[in-house]
Amino acid sequence: MPAFHIQRSQTIDADTRDVYDAVRDYSTWTRWSPWLQVDPDAEVTVSDSSNELGATYHWKGELVGEGSMTHRELQAPQSRSANSSVQADLAFIKPFKSQSKVEFEIHPVMTDGRPGSKITWHMRGKLPWFLFWMRSMMETFVGMDYERGLLMFKQFVETGEVLSKLEVKGVVNEPDRMIIGQRGGCTMDDIGCHMTETLERVKPHYNADDERVHEWASLYHTTSDLRKRWFDYTAGYLADAGTPVPEGCVADTVPAGKFLLVRHVGDYAHLGNAWSGGIQYIRYKKLKMAKAIGCEVYRNDPETTETKDLITDVYIALK
């Protein structure tokens, strides 16, 4: 059977003891799990001893399937700035049966000149023989899930909350929409700061008093490549057909069609939750994604809105 090893890391502004205590406690996992947001009705059962050797975490839901984790080995840090690790056995039951080993390694590091931690999330296992063709795709998408989960875990440890909520609005039909802005490209790691810089360049051309001009938005092009972690996009504002295009800007069209609409409320840093959750929903409902990717529409102003209240509508194109 084809073996795989997936790992992703994140730095956290907290000592290794706090990070270790949070990640070994299964009762915290529903706060930062990268899979549960799109399936809020999933049933999660945690053993009474949620942070001890042998503790269990079981989930069952329509979109997330069914499985469990059991703590196999816990290595506590000998001081607040020492190495530690959490090892667990992972068993998938649905949509197919398989078993893997999960490990969290925690090491002390300096973050912005202050003592902090680096946590690395590993998963090792073997795919069933009939799914050998999925290994590359699985490593890409599970790796992205780990990145989203670690980013939420970081926010949870540092602030005590995770500013990310999802609501699947369903399939909608949309007319042609025009985006006036600038085109850009960047790696997945740089998407946040790169798109912010693009929108800042477009901002001087935005006229809120023009009735033909609407919300800020971003369109992702088919030249984007998730496996290469590359995004090609146009970022700017929605506008009616015929709206003049300022010098230095371009006009792109979001073609009319069917879309799955997923609303994200919270930190823009967690927008990947809406895309990933939407794709989970599409697979479960046996919908088909179109070649076109889709767009994000930012419903309120980040300069006047608290981060926890930011609303973004994600439109994933369907056939």
Protein backbone atom coordinates (compact mmCIF):
# COMPACT_ATOMS: atom_id res chain seq x y z
CA MET A 1 0.00 0.00 0.00
CA PRO A 2 1.30 3.51 -0.81
CA ALA A 3 2.80 5.20 2.25
CA PHE A 4 2.48 8.91 2.96
CA HIS A 5 3.86 11.46 5.41
CA ILE A 6 2.23 14.88 5.74
CA GLN A 7 3.64 17.60 7.97
CA ARG A 8 3.03 21.31 8.51
CA SER A 9 4.39 23.77 11.08
CA GLN A 10 3.36 27.02 12.77
CA THR A 11 5.03 29.36 15.26
CA ILE A 12 3.05 30.45 18.31
CA ASP A 13 3.64 33.32 20.70
CA ALA A 14 3.37 31.11 23.80
CA ASP A 15 5.70 28.85 25.75
CA THR A 16 5.89 25.13 25.02
CA ARG A 17 3.97 24.19 28.17
CA ASP A 18 0.92 26.24 27.14
CA VAL A 19 1.05 24.86 23.59
CA TYR A 20 1.44 21.29 24.86
CA ASP A 21 -1.43 21.66 27.34
CA ALA A 22 -3.74 23.00 24.62
CA VAL A 23 -3.01 20.45 21.90
CA ARG A 24 -3.14 17.39 24.18
CA ASP A 25 -6.58 18.39 25.51
CA TYR A 26 -9.16 16.96 23.11
CA SER A 27 -11.82 19.21 24.64
CA THR A 28 -10.20 22.16 22.81
CA TRP A 29 -10.21 20.52 19.39
CA THR A 30 -13.71 21.55 18.38
CA ARG A 31 -12.53 25.17 18.65
CA TRP A 32 -9.80 24.87 16.02
CA SER A 33 -10.46 21.71 14.00
CA PRO A 34 -10.08 22.50 10.27
CA TRP A 35 -12.86 20.06 9.35
CA LEU A 36 -15.77 20.68 11.71
CA GLN A 37 -16.72 24.23 10.71
CA VAL A 38 -18.69 23.20 7.63
CA ASP A 39 -20.40 20.38 9.56
CA PRO A 40 -21.50 22.08 12.81
CA ASP A 41 -24.05 19.35 13.53
CA ALA A 42 -21.38 16.64 13.59
CA GLU A 43 -21.43 14.63 16.80
CA VAL A 44 -18.17 14.89 18.75
CA THR A 45 -17.53 12.74 21.82
CA VAL A 46 -14.51 13.33 24.06
CA SER A 47 -13.53 11.03 26.92
CA ASP A 48 -13.81 12.39 30.46
CA SER A 49 -10.01 12.37 30.77
CA SER A 50 -9.55 14.53 27.69
CA ASN A 51 -5.86 15.32 28.17
CA GLU A 52 -4.37 12.07 29.51
CA LEU A 53 -2.80 8.96 28.03
CA GLY A 54 -5.57 6.88 26.43
CA ALA A 55 -7.92 9.86 26.02
CA THR A 56 -10.22 9.56 23.00
CA TYR A 57 -11.85 11.93 20.52
CA HIS A 58 -14.61 10.56 18.27
CA TRP A 59 -16.47 12.37 15.50
CA LYS A 60 -19.36 11.46 13.23
CA GLY A 61 -21.02 13.74 10.70
CA GLU A 62 -22.54 13.90 7.25
CA LEU A 63 -19.68 15.88 5.73
CA VAL A 64 -16.74 14.87 7.93
CA GLY A 65 -17.42 11.15 7.99
CA GLU A 66 -16.55 9.14 11.09
CA GLY A 67 -13.37 8.39 12.96
CA SER A 68 -11.50 8.58 16.23
CA MET A 69 -8.18 9.52 17.80
CA THR A 70 -6.55 8.03 20.89
CA HIS A 71 -3.56 9.44 22.78
CA ARG A 72 -0.75 6.88 22.48
CA GLU A 73 2.18 8.77 24.03
CA LEU A 74 2.47 12.09 25.86
CA GLN A 75 5.87 13.68 26.44
CA ALA A 76 5.41 16.70 28.68
CA PRO A 77 8.00 19.51 28.63
CA GLN A 78 10.38 19.44 31.59
CA SER A 79 10.17 23.23 31.78
CA ARG A 80 8.09 25.98 30.19
CA SER A 81 10.65 26.22 27.36
CA ALA A 82 11.50 22.57 26.68
CA ASN A 83 10.64 20.13 23.89
CA SER A 84 7.45 18.11 24.10
CA SER A 85 5.28 15.89 21.91
CA VAL A 86 1.84 14.33 21.61
CA GLN A 87 1.36 11.08 19.69
CA ALA A 88 -2.00 9.57 18.79
CA ASP A 89 -3.56 6.73 16.82
CA LEU A 90 -5.97 7.93 14.13
CA ALA A 91 -8.68 5.61 12.82
CA PHE A 92 -10.97 6.55 9.93
CA ILE A 93 -14.24 4.62 9.72
CA LYS A 94 -16.15 6.53 7.04
CA PRO A 95 -16.00 7.23 4.11
CA PHE A 96 -13.42 4.39 4.13
CA LYS A 97 -11.47 2.51 6.78
CA SER A 98 -7.81 3.32 7.36
CA GLN A 99 -5.38 3.92 10.20
CA SER A 100 -2.59 6.48 10.62
CA LYS A 101 -0.18 7.79 13.22
CA VAL A 102 -0.43 11.43 14.27
CA GLU A 103 2.21 13.40 16.13
CA PHE A 104 2.59 16.98 17.34
CA GLU A 105 6.17 18.05 17.98
CA ILE A 106 6.67 21.22 20.03
CA HIS A 107 9.99 23.05 20.25
CA PRO A 108 11.01 26.37 21.81
CA VAL A 109 11.87 29.15 19.34
CA MET A 110 12.13 32.92 19.28
CA THR A 111 9.11 34.69 17.74
CA ASP A 112 9.55 38.39 17.02
CA GLY A 113 12.38 38.51 19.54
CA ARG A 114 10.33 36.80 22.26
CA PRO A 115 10.40 33.20 23.51
CA GLY A 116 7.75 31.18 21.73
CA SER A 117 7.06 27.75 20.27
CA LYS A 118 7.08 25.93 16.96
CA ILE A 119 4.52 23.16 16.58
CA THR A 120 4.71 20.59 13.77
CA TRP A 121 1.72 18.40 12.93
CA HIS A 122 2.59 15.03 11.37
CA MET A 123 0.46 12.28 9.89
CA ARG A 124 1.98 9.01 8.70
CA GLY A 125 0.11 6.11 7.19
CA LYS A 126 -0.75 4.01 4.18
CA LEU A 127 -3.62 4.42 1.76
CA PRO A 128 -5.83 1.47 0.79
CA TRP A 129 -4.53 -0.03 -2.47
CA PHE A 130 -7.59 1.15 -4.42
CA LEU A 131 -6.80 4.77 -3.49
CA PHE A 132 -3.12 4.78 -4.53
CA TRP A 133 -3.88 7.42 -7.15
CA MET A 134 -5.01 9.83 -4.42
CA ARG A 135 -1.68 10.13 -2.60
CA SER A 136 -0.43 13.31 -4.29
CA MET A 137 -3.83 15.00 -4.07
CA MET A 138 -4.24 13.90 -0.46
CA GLU A 139 -0.85 15.30 0.54
CA THR A 140 -1.81 18.63 -1.05
CA PHE A 141 -5.27 18.99 0.46
CA VAL A 142 -4.64 17.45 3.88
CA GLY A 143 -1.52 19.61 4.09
CA MET A 144 -3.70 22.67 3.46
CA ASP A 145 -6.13 21.44 6.13
CA TYR A 146 -3.24 21.19 8.59
CA GLU A 147 -2.16 24.73 7.75
CA ARG A 148 -5.68 26.04 8.38
CA GLY A 149 -5.96 24.07 11.60
CA LEU A 150 -2.61 25.26 12.92
CA LEU A 151 -3.47 28.87 12.09
CA MET A 152 -6.69 28.57 14.11
CA PHE A 153 -4.84 26.74 16.89
CA LYS A 154 -2.32 29.59 17.00
CA GLN A 155 -5.10 32.15 17.37
CA PHE A 156 -6.79 30.01 20.02
CA VAL A 157 -3.63 29.67 22.13
CA GLU A 158 -2.63 33.32 21.76
CA THR A 159 -6.07 34.92 22.26
CA GLY A 160 -8.42 32.28 23.67
CA GLU A 161 -10.77 32.44 20.66
CA VAL A 162 -10.93 31.62 16.95
CA LEU A 163 -12.47 34.29 14.73
CA SER A 164 -13.95 32.11 12.01
CA LYS A 165 -17.52 30.93 11.40
CA LEU A 166 -19.09 29.40 8.30
CA GLU A 167 -22.59 29.30 6.88
CA VAL A 168 -23.36 27.39 3.68
CA LYS A 169 -26.02 29.49 1.96
CA GLY A 170 -26.57 26.98 -0.85
CA VAL A 171 -26.52 27.04 -4.64
CA VAL A 172 -27.26 30.42 -6.21
CA ASN A 173 -27.52 31.72 -9.76
CA GLU A 174 -25.58 34.89 -10.48
CA PRO A 175 -25.46 37.20 -13.53
CA ASP A 176 -22.25 38.43 -15.13
CA ARG A 177 -20.35 40.62 -12.69
CA MET A 178 -17.52 42.98 -13.50
CA ILE A 179 -14.52 43.55 -11.25
CA ILE A 180 -12.41 46.66 -11.74
CA GLY A 181 -9.00 46.37 -10.15
CA GLN A 182 -5.52 45.05 -10.71
CA ARG A 183 -4.29 41.59 -11.54
CA GLY A 184 -1.70 39.89 -9.36
CA GLY A 185 -0.07 36.59 -8.62
CA CYS A 186 1.62 35.19 -5.53
CA THR A 187 2.25 32.08 -3.48
CA MET A 188 -0.31 30.80 -1.01
CA ASP A 189 1.93 31.88 1.87
CA ASP A 190 1.91 35.49 0.64
CA ILE A 191 -1.74 35.81 -0.42
CA GLY A 192 -2.85 37.93 2.54
CA CYS A 193 -0.22 40.66 2.36
CA HIS A 194 0.00 40.54 -1.45
CA MET A 195 -3.73 41.03 -1.98
CA THR A 196 -3.83 43.78 0.64
CA GLU A 197 -1.12 45.64 -1.29
CA THR A 198 -3.08 45.19 -4.53
CA LEU A 199 -6.28 46.56 -2.99
CA GLU A 200 -4.37 49.52 -1.53
CA ARG A 201 -3.21 50.42 -5.04
CA VAL A 202 -6.79 50.24 -6.32
CA LYS A 203 -8.30 52.17 -3.40
CA PRO A 204 -7.55 55.68 -4.80
CA HIS A 205 -9.73 54.81 -7.82
CA TYR A 206 -12.72 53.69 -5.74
CA ASN A 207 -15.61 56.18 -5.69
CA ALA A 208 -18.15 55.22 -3.03
CA ASP A 209 -20.51 57.95 -4.27
CA ASP A 210 -20.80 56.34 -7.72
CA GLU A 211 -23.97 54.20 -7.74
CA ARG A 212 -22.38 51.94 -10.36
CA VAL A 213 -19.64 50.93 -7.89
CA HIS A 214 -20.25 48.19 -5.30
CA GLU A 215 -18.36 46.01 -2.80
CA TRP A 216 -14.71 45.08 -2.82
CA ALA A 217 -14.05 41.67 -4.34
CA SER A 218 -11.42 39.27 -5.67
CA LEU A 219 -11.65 36.92 -8.66
CA TYR A 220 -9.44 33.83 -8.82
CA HIS A 221 -8.34 32.74 -12.29
CA THR A 222 -8.01 29.22 -13.69
CA THR A 223 -4.25 29.74 -13.97
CA SER A 224 -4.07 29.33 -10.18
CA ASP A 225 -2.43 26.04 -9.12
CA LEU A 226 -3.06 24.64 -5.63
CA ARG A 227 -0.41 21.96 -5.93
CA LYS A 228 2.18 24.59 -6.76
CA ARG A 229 0.64 26.85 -4.10
CA TRP A 230 0.17 29.65 -6.62
CA PHE A 231 -2.76 32.07 -6.94
CA ASP A 232 -3.54 34.25 -9.95
CA TYR A 233 -6.22 36.81 -9.15
CA THR A 234 -7.82 40.16 -9.89
CA ALA A 235 -8.59 42.24 -6.80
CA GLY A 236 -10.69 45.40 -6.82
CA TYR A 237 -14.36 46.30 -6.67
CA LEU A 238 -17.57 45.11 -8.29
CA ALA A 239 -19.06 47.53 -10.79
CA ASP A 240 -21.95 47.74 -13.23
CA ALA A 241 -21.30 47.11 -16.91
CA GLY A 242 -20.15 50.28 -18.62
CA THR A 243 -18.48 51.75 -15.53
CA PRO A 244 -15.30 53.56 -16.67
CA VAL A 245 -12.07 51.68 -15.95
CA PRO A 246 -9.47 54.02 -14.40
CA GLU A 247 -5.98 54.20 -15.83
CA GLY A 248 -3.77 51.58 -14.23
CA CYS A 249 -6.70 49.22 -13.61
CA VAL A 250 -8.21 46.37 -15.60
CA ALA A 251 -11.74 45.03 -15.91
CA ASP A 252 -12.41 41.30 -15.48
CA THR A 253 -15.70 39.45 -15.59
CA VAL A 254 -17.06 36.86 -13.21
CA PRO A 255 -19.12 34.85 -15.74
CA ALA A 256 -22.80 34.23 -15.06
CA GLY A 257 -23.66 30.80 -13.73
CA LYS A 258 -24.30 28.60 -10.73
CA PHE A 259 -22.24 29.00 -7.58
CA LEU A 260 -22.11 27.48 -4.14
CA LEU A 261 -22.30 30.43 -1.75
CA VAL A 262 -20.45 30.05 1.56
CA ARG A 263 -20.45 32.94 4.03
CA HIS A 264 -17.43 33.42 6.28
CA VAL A 265 -17.63 35.66 9.35
CA GLY A 266 -14.38 36.63 11.00
CA ASP A 267 -10.69 37.06 10.33
CA TYR A 268 -9.67 37.23 6.66
CA ALA A 269 -6.70 35.02 7.61
CA HIS A 270 -9.17 32.12 7.91
CA LEU A 271 -10.90 32.53 4.53
CA GLY A 272 -9.40 29.22 3.46
CA ASN A 273 -11.96 27.61 5.78
CA ALA A 274 -14.78 28.81 3.51
CA TRP A 275 -13.14 27.46 0.35
CA SER A 276 -12.23 24.13 1.89
CA GLY A 277 -15.59 23.79 3.62
CA GLY A 278 -17.38 24.61 0.39
CA ILE A 279 -15.44 21.91 -1.47
CA GLN A 280 -16.30 19.40 1.29
CA TYR A 281 -19.96 20.33 0.84
CA ILE A 282 -19.75 20.01 -2.96
CA ARG A 283 -18.29 16.52 -2.72
CA TYR A 284 -20.87 15.36 -0.20
CA LYS A 285 -23.78 16.75 -2.23
CA LYS A 286 -22.26 15.26 -5.42
CA LEU A 287 -22.20 18.65 -7.12
CA LYS A 288 -19.63 19.34 -9.83
CA MET A 289 -17.17 22.21 -9.79
CA ALA A 290 -16.73 24.23 -12.96
CA LYS A 291 -13.35 24.94 -14.52
CA ALA A 292 -13.71 28.54 -13.36
CA ILE A 293 -12.79 28.91 -9.70
CA GLY A 294 -14.91 31.68 -8.24
CA CYS A 295 -14.63 34.87 -6.25
CA GLU A 296 -14.77 36.51 -2.84
CA VAL A 297 -16.99 39.50 -2.06
CA TYR A 298 -16.15 41.52 1.05
CA ARG A 299 -19.45 42.74 2.49
CA ASN A 300 -18.17 45.27 5.02
CA ASP A 301 -15.22 47.60 5.55
CA PRO A 302 -12.28 46.21 7.57
CA GLU A 303 -11.32 49.76 8.56
CA THR A 304 -14.63 50.33 10.38
CA THR A 305 -15.59 46.75 11.31
CA GLU A 306 -14.22 44.59 14.11
CA THR A 307 -12.30 41.57 12.85
CA LYS A 308 -14.80 39.14 14.40
CA ASP A 309 -17.63 40.76 12.38
CA LEU A 310 -16.01 40.84 8.93
CA ILE A 311 -18.33 39.20 6.38
CA THR A 312 -16.98 37.57 3.22
CA ASP A 313 -19.13 35.72 0.70
CA VAL A 314 -17.24 33.02 -1.19
CA TYR A 315 -18.70 31.94 -4.53
CA ILE A 316 -17.41 28.58 -5.85
CA ALA A 317 -18.28 28.04 -9.51
CA LEU A 318 -20.39 24.97 -10.37
CA LYS A 319 -21.28 23.21 -13.61
